[in-house]
């Protein structure tokens, strides 16, 4: 899912349920800032999505906190939702 917001002078970015997989709640958001070799920052947010039936590990990617890309993480490492994390170390 891609999401774009329009900034205003009173603009504040909030995490809010934006898809069917997270319509009940979003919890345990963890923000990590990565800086690439060109000194440009990208922010990754891992969080748990819940829709009254399923718990899913999700990821948001943004460089500007205006445009967001959100995906559900898949695979053995994220099966229980607690066995994964990001670190800005290279």
N, C-alpha and C. Protein backbone atom coordinates (compact mmCIF):
# COMPACT_ATOMS: atom_id res chain seq x y z
N UNK A 1 0.84 -1.16 0.00
CA UNK A 1 0.00 0.00 0.00
C UNK A 1 0.89 1.23 0.00
N UNK A 2 0.56 2.19 -0.82
CA UNK A 2 1.24 3.48 -0.83
C UNK A 2 0.28 4.53 -0.30
N UNK A 3 0.80 5.46 0.46
CA UNK A 3 -0.02 6.51 1.05
C UNK A 3 0.74 7.81 0.97
N UNK A 4 0.07 8.88 0.52
CA UNK A 4 0.67 10.20 0.49
C UNK A 4 -0.21 11.15 1.28
N UNK A 5 0.42 12.01 2.05
CA UNK A 5 -0.29 13.01 2.84
C UNK A 5 0.07 14.40 2.35
N UNK A 6 -0.82 15.36 2.55
CA UNK A 6 -0.56 16.73 2.17
C UNK A 6 -0.19 17.53 3.40
N UNK A 7 1.06 18.01 3.48
CA UNK A 7 1.47 18.78 4.66
C UNK A 7 0.77 20.13 4.73
N UNK A 8 0.51 20.58 5.93
CA UNK A 8 0.00 21.93 6.18
C UNK A 8 0.86 22.54 7.28
N UNK A 9 0.60 23.77 7.61
CA UNK A 9 1.39 24.39 8.67
C UNK A 9 1.16 23.70 10.00
N UNK A 10 0.03 23.07 10.19
CA UNK A 10 -0.28 22.35 11.42
C UNK A 10 -0.07 20.85 11.26
N UNK A 11 0.65 20.47 10.26
CA UNK A 11 0.81 19.06 9.91
C UNK A 11 1.57 18.29 10.98
N UNK A 12 1.02 17.15 11.35
CA UNK A 12 1.69 16.20 12.24
C UNK A 12 1.42 14.81 11.70
N UNK A 13 2.46 14.04 11.53
CA UNK A 13 2.30 12.68 11.02
C UNK A 13 1.97 11.74 12.17
N UNK A 14 0.95 10.93 11.97
CA UNK A 14 0.54 9.94 12.96
C UNK A 14 0.42 8.60 12.27
N UNK A 15 0.68 7.55 12.99
CA UNK A 15 0.38 6.21 12.48
C UNK A 15 -1.08 5.92 12.78
N UNK A 16 -1.79 5.49 11.78
CA UNK A 16 -3.20 5.16 11.97
C UNK A 16 -3.54 3.98 11.07
N UNK A 17 -4.51 3.17 11.46
CA UNK A 17 -4.90 2.03 10.62
C UNK A 17 -5.37 2.52 9.25
N UNK A 18 -4.71 2.02 8.20
CA UNK A 18 -5.03 2.49 6.85
C UNK A 18 -5.37 1.34 5.90
N UNK A 19 -5.28 0.10 6.36
CA UNK A 19 -5.59 -1.03 5.49
C UNK A 19 -6.47 -2.04 6.23
N UNK A 20 -7.00 -2.98 5.50
CA UNK A 20 -7.86 -4.00 6.09
C UNK A 20 -7.11 -4.84 7.13
N UNK A 21 -5.82 -5.10 6.89
CA UNK A 21 -5.08 -5.97 7.81
C UNK A 21 -4.79 -5.31 9.16
N UNK A 22 -4.98 -4.01 9.25
CA UNK A 22 -4.67 -3.31 10.51
C UNK A 22 -5.83 -2.46 11.01
N UNK A 23 -7.03 -2.74 10.54
CA UNK A 23 -8.16 -1.85 10.85
C UNK A 23 -8.51 -1.79 12.33
N UNK A 24 -8.13 -2.81 13.11
CA UNK A 24 -8.46 -2.77 14.54
C UNK A 24 -7.43 -1.99 15.35
N UNK A 25 -6.14 -2.26 15.08
CA UNK A 25 -5.12 -1.51 15.80
C UNK A 25 -3.73 -1.71 15.20
N UNK A 26 -2.87 -0.77 15.56
CA UNK A 26 -1.45 -0.81 15.26
C UNK A 26 -0.74 -0.68 16.60
N UNK A 27 0.26 -1.55 16.83
CA UNK A 27 0.95 -1.46 18.12
C UNK A 27 2.44 -1.76 17.96
N UNK A 28 3.19 -1.41 18.98
CA UNK A 28 4.63 -1.67 19.07
C UNK A 28 5.42 -1.09 17.91
N UNK A 29 5.11 0.12 17.50
CA UNK A 29 5.86 0.76 16.41
C UNK A 29 7.29 1.08 16.85
N UNK A 30 8.24 0.71 16.00
CA UNK A 30 9.65 0.96 16.28
C UNK A 30 10.27 1.63 15.06
N UNK A 31 10.83 2.81 15.27
CA UNK A 31 11.39 3.63 14.20
C UNK A 31 12.91 3.48 14.16
N UNK A 32 13.45 3.27 12.94
CA UNK A 32 14.90 3.19 12.75
C UNK A 32 15.27 4.08 11.58
N UNK A 33 16.31 4.88 11.76
CA UNK A 33 16.80 5.78 10.71
C UNK A 33 18.06 5.19 10.10
N UNK A 34 18.04 5.01 8.76
CA UNK A 34 19.21 4.56 8.03
C UNK A 34 19.72 5.72 7.18
N UNK A 35 21.03 5.91 7.15
CA UNK A 35 21.65 6.93 6.31
C UNK A 35 22.53 6.21 5.30
N UNK A 36 22.29 6.48 4.00
CA UNK A 36 23.05 5.78 2.96
C UNK A 36 24.38 6.48 2.70
N UNK A 37 25.12 5.99 1.72
CA UNK A 37 26.44 6.54 1.41
C UNK A 37 26.37 7.96 0.85
N UNK A 38 25.20 8.39 0.38
CA UNK A 38 25.01 9.76 -0.11
C UNK A 38 24.49 10.68 0.98
N UNK A 39 24.49 10.19 2.22
CA UNK A 39 24.04 10.95 3.39
C UNK A 39 22.54 11.26 3.35
N UNK A 40 21.78 10.41 2.66
CA UNK A 40 20.33 10.57 2.61
C UNK A 40 19.69 9.58 3.59
N UNK A 41 18.74 10.06 4.36
CA UNK A 41 18.10 9.24 5.38
C UNK A 41 16.82 8.59 4.86
N UNK A 42 16.63 7.35 5.26
CA UNK A 42 15.38 6.62 5.04
C UNK A 42 14.96 6.07 6.40
N UNK A 43 13.69 6.18 6.70
CA UNK A 43 13.17 5.71 7.98
C UNK A 43 12.33 4.46 7.75
N UNK A 44 12.53 3.46 8.62
CA UNK A 44 11.76 2.24 8.58
C UNK A 44 11.02 2.10 9.91
N UNK A 45 9.76 1.73 9.82
CA UNK A 45 8.94 1.54 11.01
C UNK A 45 8.42 0.11 10.97
N UNK A 46 8.78 -0.68 11.95
CA UNK A 46 8.20 -2.01 12.08
C UNK A 46 7.10 -1.92 13.13
N UNK A 47 6.01 -2.63 12.90
CA UNK A 47 4.89 -2.60 13.84
C UNK A 47 4.03 -3.84 13.67
N UNK A 48 3.17 -4.06 14.63
CA UNK A 48 2.24 -5.18 14.60
C UNK A 48 0.86 -4.65 14.20
N UNK A 49 0.28 -5.28 13.19
CA UNK A 49 -1.07 -4.93 12.73
C UNK A 49 -2.05 -6.00 13.20
N UNK A 50 -3.25 -5.57 13.56
CA UNK A 50 -4.27 -6.51 14.03
C UNK A 50 -5.62 -6.12 13.44
N UNK A 51 -6.38 -7.12 12.98
CA UNK A 51 -7.69 -6.86 12.36
C UNK A 51 -8.82 -7.66 13.01
N UNK A 52 -8.72 -7.93 14.29
CA UNK A 52 -9.68 -8.73 15.06
C UNK A 52 -9.56 -10.23 14.83
N UNK A 53 -8.76 -10.65 13.85
CA UNK A 53 -8.60 -12.07 13.56
C UNK A 53 -7.12 -12.44 13.47
N UNK A 54 -6.36 -11.66 12.73
CA UNK A 54 -4.98 -11.99 12.41
C UNK A 54 -4.02 -10.93 12.94
N UNK A 55 -2.88 -11.38 13.43
CA UNK A 55 -1.80 -10.49 13.84
C UNK A 55 -0.71 -10.60 12.78
N UNK A 56 -0.29 -9.45 12.22
CA UNK A 56 0.70 -9.46 11.15
C UNK A 56 1.84 -8.50 11.44
N UNK A 57 3.08 -8.89 11.12
CA UNK A 57 4.21 -7.96 11.23
C UNK A 57 4.27 -7.10 9.96
N UNK A 58 4.30 -5.81 10.12
CA UNK A 58 4.31 -4.89 8.99
C UNK A 58 5.51 -3.98 9.02
N UNK A 59 5.77 -3.35 7.87
CA UNK A 59 6.89 -2.44 7.71
C UNK A 59 6.43 -1.22 6.93
N UNK A 60 6.81 -0.04 7.40
CA UNK A 60 6.59 1.20 6.68
C UNK A 60 7.96 1.78 6.33
N UNK A 61 8.07 2.30 5.11
CA UNK A 61 9.30 2.96 4.66
C UNK A 61 8.95 4.38 4.23
N UNK A 62 9.74 5.36 4.69
CA UNK A 62 9.54 6.75 4.28
C UNK A 62 10.86 7.51 4.34
N UNK A 63 10.99 8.47 3.49
CA UNK A 63 12.17 9.35 3.53
C UNK A 63 11.78 10.74 4.02
N UNK A 64 10.48 11.06 3.96
CA UNK A 64 10.05 12.42 4.24
C UNK A 64 8.87 12.55 5.21
N UNK A 65 8.34 11.45 5.69
CA UNK A 65 7.16 11.43 6.56
C UNK A 65 5.95 12.10 5.92
N UNK A 66 5.95 12.13 4.58
CA UNK A 66 4.80 12.60 3.81
C UNK A 66 4.32 11.47 2.91
N UNK A 67 5.26 10.76 2.28
CA UNK A 67 4.95 9.63 1.42
C UNK A 67 5.42 8.36 2.12
N UNK A 68 4.54 7.36 2.15
CA UNK A 68 4.81 6.13 2.88
C UNK A 68 4.58 4.92 1.99
N UNK A 69 5.38 3.89 2.19
CA UNK A 69 5.17 2.58 1.55
C UNK A 69 5.05 1.57 2.67
N UNK A 70 3.95 0.84 2.72
CA UNK A 70 3.70 -0.14 3.78
C UNK A 70 3.56 -1.53 3.18
N UNK A 71 4.20 -2.51 3.82
CA UNK A 71 4.10 -3.90 3.37
C UNK A 71 3.96 -4.81 4.58
N UNK A 72 3.41 -5.99 4.34
CA UNK A 72 3.38 -7.04 5.36
C UNK A 72 4.63 -7.88 5.18
N UNK A 73 5.34 -8.14 6.27
CA UNK A 73 6.55 -8.95 6.22
C UNK A 73 6.16 -10.42 6.24
N UNK A 74 6.90 -11.23 5.48
CA UNK A 74 6.62 -12.66 5.36
C UNK A 74 7.89 -13.47 5.54
N UNK A 75 7.74 -14.73 5.90
CA UNK A 75 8.88 -15.62 6.00
C UNK A 75 9.06 -16.17 7.41
N UNK A 76 10.00 -17.12 7.54
CA UNK A 76 10.21 -17.79 8.82
C UNK A 76 10.66 -16.82 9.92
N UNK A 77 11.47 -15.85 9.59
CA UNK A 77 12.01 -14.95 10.61
C UNK A 77 10.94 -14.10 11.26
N UNK A 78 9.82 -13.89 10.60
CA UNK A 78 8.76 -13.04 11.16
C UNK A 78 7.52 -13.84 11.54
N UNK A 79 7.64 -15.13 11.53
CA UNK A 79 6.47 -15.99 11.77
C UNK A 79 5.77 -15.68 13.09
N UNK A 80 6.51 -15.51 14.16
CA UNK A 80 5.86 -15.25 15.45
C UNK A 80 5.80 -13.77 15.78
N UNK A 81 6.25 -12.91 14.87
CA UNK A 81 6.13 -11.47 15.06
C UNK A 81 7.13 -10.87 16.03
N UNK A 82 8.00 -11.66 16.63
CA UNK A 82 8.93 -11.12 17.62
C UNK A 82 10.39 -11.47 17.33
N UNK A 83 10.65 -12.21 16.28
CA UNK A 83 12.00 -12.69 16.02
C UNK A 83 12.76 -11.82 15.02
N UNK A 84 12.34 -10.60 14.79
CA UNK A 84 12.98 -9.76 13.80
C UNK A 84 13.14 -8.35 14.33
N UNK A 85 14.13 -7.67 13.78
CA UNK A 85 14.35 -6.27 14.11
C UNK A 85 15.30 -5.68 13.10
N UNK A 86 15.41 -4.35 13.11
CA UNK A 86 16.35 -3.64 12.24
C UNK A 86 17.37 -2.94 13.12
N UNK A 87 18.54 -2.76 12.57
CA UNK A 87 19.58 -2.01 13.25
C UNK A 87 20.24 -1.09 12.23
N UNK A 88 20.51 0.15 12.58
CA UNK A 88 21.14 1.06 11.62
C UNK A 88 22.63 0.78 11.44
N UNK A 89 23.20 -0.16 12.16
CA UNK A 89 24.62 -0.48 12.01
C UNK A 89 24.89 -1.09 10.64
N UNK A 90 26.06 -0.80 10.09
CA UNK A 90 26.41 -1.35 8.78
C UNK A 90 27.22 -2.60 8.93
